[in-house]
Amino acid sequence: MPKKEERFEKIYSQGTATVIEIWVDRKTGVNYIYRQSGYSGGMTVLLDSEGRPVITKEQ
């Protein structure tokens, strides 16, 4: 049985105690930013300077 491809891909990560990551939805290309500090964290759509979602074109 072939392995199912993951929908989200982590393309950037920085930090250890305070973590910032960028994830891409492979189906839509929409980028999300995730921030974790200690036991809390959150994710939201990554926006460009005009307030539109950042979209990664399929490679």
N, C-alpha and C. Protein backbone atom coordinates (compact mmCIF):
# COMPACT_ATOMS: atom_id res chain seq x y z
N MET A 1 0.84 -1.18 0.00
CA MET A 1 0.00 0.00 0.00
C MET A 1 0.89 1.24 0.00
N PRO A 2 0.71 2.17 -0.96
CA PRO A 2 1.55 3.36 -1.02
C PRO A 2 1.29 4.28 0.17
N LYS A 3 2.36 4.94 0.61
CA LYS A 3 2.25 5.88 1.72
C LYS A 3 1.48 7.11 1.28
N LYS A 4 0.50 7.52 2.09
CA LYS A 4 -0.29 8.71 1.79
C LYS A 4 0.56 9.96 2.04
N GLU A 5 0.58 10.86 1.07
CA GLU A 5 1.37 12.09 1.20
C GLU A 5 0.69 13.02 2.20
N GLU A 6 1.50 13.61 3.05
CA GLU A 6 1.00 14.56 4.05
C GLU A 6 0.48 15.82 3.36
N ARG A 7 -0.60 16.38 3.89
CA ARG A 7 -1.19 17.58 3.28
C ARG A 7 -0.35 18.81 3.59
N PHE A 8 0.20 18.91 4.80
CA PHE A 8 0.95 20.10 5.21
C PHE A 8 2.44 19.78 5.25
N GLU A 9 3.25 20.78 4.85
CA GLU A 9 4.70 20.63 4.85
C GLU A 9 5.31 21.82 5.58
N LYS A 10 6.22 21.53 6.53
CA LYS A 10 6.93 22.59 7.24
C LYS A 10 8.08 23.04 6.35
N ILE A 11 8.10 24.34 6.00
CA ILE A 11 9.16 24.84 5.11
C ILE A 11 10.16 25.75 5.82
N TYR A 12 9.87 26.15 7.07
CA TYR A 12 10.77 27.03 7.80
C TYR A 12 10.59 26.80 9.29
N SER A 13 11.68 26.86 10.04
CA SER A 13 11.61 26.73 11.49
C SER A 13 12.77 27.49 12.11
N GLN A 14 12.49 28.18 13.23
CA GLN A 14 13.56 28.84 13.98
C GLN A 14 13.22 28.79 15.45
N GLY A 15 14.24 28.71 16.29
CA GLY A 15 14.07 28.74 17.72
C GLY A 15 13.89 27.38 18.35
N THR A 16 14.03 27.37 19.71
CA THR A 16 13.83 26.14 20.47
C THR A 16 12.82 26.36 21.59
N ALA A 17 13.07 27.32 22.49
CA ALA A 17 12.11 27.61 23.56
C ALA A 17 10.92 28.37 22.99
N THR A 18 11.19 29.33 22.13
CA THR A 18 10.15 30.04 21.39
C THR A 18 10.33 29.65 19.93
N VAL A 19 9.34 28.99 19.37
CA VAL A 19 9.45 28.43 18.03
C VAL A 19 8.56 29.19 17.06
N ILE A 20 9.09 29.48 15.88
CA ILE A 20 8.31 30.05 14.79
C ILE A 20 8.50 29.13 13.59
N GLU A 21 7.37 28.71 12.99
CA GLU A 21 7.42 27.82 11.83
C GLU A 21 6.48 28.34 10.75
N ILE A 22 6.81 28.02 9.51
CA ILE A 22 5.91 28.30 8.39
C ILE A 22 5.55 26.97 7.77
N TRP A 23 4.25 26.76 7.60
CA TRP A 23 3.70 25.53 7.03
C TRP A 23 2.96 25.87 5.75
N VAL A 24 3.03 24.99 4.75
CA VAL A 24 2.33 25.17 3.49
C VAL A 24 1.32 24.05 3.32
N ASP A 25 0.10 24.43 2.97
CA ASP A 25 -0.93 23.46 2.62
C ASP A 25 -0.64 23.03 1.18
N ARG A 26 -0.25 21.80 0.98
CA ARG A 26 0.13 21.33 -0.36
C ARG A 26 -1.03 21.33 -1.34
N LYS A 27 -2.25 21.26 -0.83
CA LYS A 27 -3.41 21.23 -1.71
C LYS A 27 -3.76 22.62 -2.24
N THR A 28 -3.68 23.64 -1.38
CA THR A 28 -4.08 24.99 -1.77
C THR A 28 -2.90 25.95 -1.99
N GLY A 29 -1.73 25.62 -1.43
CA GLY A 29 -0.57 26.49 -1.52
C GLY A 29 -0.55 27.59 -0.47
N VAL A 30 -1.59 27.69 0.36
CA VAL A 30 -1.67 28.74 1.38
C VAL A 30 -0.62 28.49 2.46
N ASN A 31 0.07 29.57 2.88
CA ASN A 31 1.09 29.50 3.92
C ASN A 31 0.48 29.89 5.26
N TYR A 32 0.92 29.19 6.30
CA TYR A 32 0.48 29.46 7.67
C TYR A 32 1.70 29.69 8.53
N ILE A 33 1.57 30.59 9.53
CA ILE A 33 2.65 30.81 10.48
C ILE A 33 2.21 30.27 11.83
N TYR A 34 3.11 29.52 12.46
CA TYR A 34 2.85 28.90 13.75
C TYR A 34 3.88 29.43 14.74
N ARG A 35 3.41 29.82 15.93
CA ARG A 35 4.32 30.29 16.98
C ARG A 35 4.01 29.54 18.25
N GLN A 36 5.06 29.04 18.89
CA GLN A 36 4.91 28.32 20.15
C GLN A 36 5.87 28.93 21.16
N SER A 37 5.36 29.14 22.36
CA SER A 37 6.18 29.63 23.45
C SER A 37 5.75 28.88 24.71
N GLY A 38 6.65 28.06 25.23
CA GLY A 38 6.30 27.24 26.39
C GLY A 38 5.21 26.24 26.04
N TYR A 39 4.11 26.28 26.81
CA TYR A 39 3.01 25.34 26.59
C TYR A 39 1.90 25.91 25.72
N SER A 40 2.08 27.10 25.19
CA SER A 40 1.02 27.69 24.36
C SER A 40 1.53 27.91 22.94
N GLY A 41 0.59 27.99 22.02
CA GLY A 41 0.96 28.21 20.64
C GLY A 41 -0.26 28.54 19.81
N GLY A 42 -0.03 28.99 18.60
CA GLY A 42 -1.13 29.32 17.72
C GLY A 42 -0.68 29.36 16.27
N MET A 43 -1.67 29.21 15.39
CA MET A 43 -1.40 29.20 13.95
C MET A 43 -2.40 30.12 13.26
N THR A 44 -1.92 30.84 12.24
CA THR A 44 -2.79 31.71 11.46
C THR A 44 -2.26 31.80 10.04
N VAL A 45 -3.09 32.28 9.16
CA VAL A 45 -2.69 32.46 7.77
C VAL A 45 -1.60 33.53 7.71
N LEU A 46 -0.57 33.29 6.91
CA LEU A 46 0.51 34.25 6.71
C LEU A 46 0.07 35.22 5.62
N LEU A 47 0.11 36.53 5.93
CA LEU A 47 -0.36 37.55 4.99
C LEU A 47 0.80 38.33 4.40
N ASP A 48 0.62 38.82 3.15
CA ASP A 48 1.62 39.68 2.54
C ASP A 48 1.38 41.13 2.97
N SER A 49 2.14 42.06 2.42
CA SER A 49 2.05 43.47 2.84
C SER A 49 0.72 44.12 2.48
N GLU A 50 -0.05 43.50 1.58
CA GLU A 50 -1.35 44.05 1.20
C GLU A 50 -2.51 43.32 1.88
N GLY A 51 -2.18 42.41 2.82
CA GLY A 51 -3.21 41.72 3.57
C GLY A 51 -3.79 40.49 2.89
N ARG A 52 -3.16 40.05 1.82
CA ARG A 52 -3.62 38.84 1.11
C ARG A 52 -2.81 37.63 1.59
N PRO A 53 -3.42 36.43 1.58
CA PRO A 53 -2.67 35.24 1.99
C PRO A 53 -1.48 34.99 1.07
N VAL A 54 -0.36 34.57 1.68
CA VAL A 54 0.82 34.17 0.92
C VAL A 54 0.54 32.78 0.35
N ILE A 55 0.71 32.62 -0.96
CA ILE A 55 0.46 31.34 -1.61
C ILE A 55 1.72 30.89 -2.32
N THR A 56 2.14 29.67 -2.01
CA THR A 56 3.31 29.07 -2.65
C THR A 56 2.84 28.32 -3.88
N LYS A 57 3.45 28.65 -5.01
CA LYS A 57 3.11 27.97 -6.26
C LYS A 57 3.65 26.55 -6.18
N GLU A 58 2.94 25.61 -6.83
CA GLU A 58 3.36 24.22 -6.83
C GLU A 58 4.71 24.08 -7.50
N GLN A 59 5.59 23.30 -6.89
CA GLN A 59 6.95 23.14 -7.41
C GLN A 59 7.04 21.97 -8.34
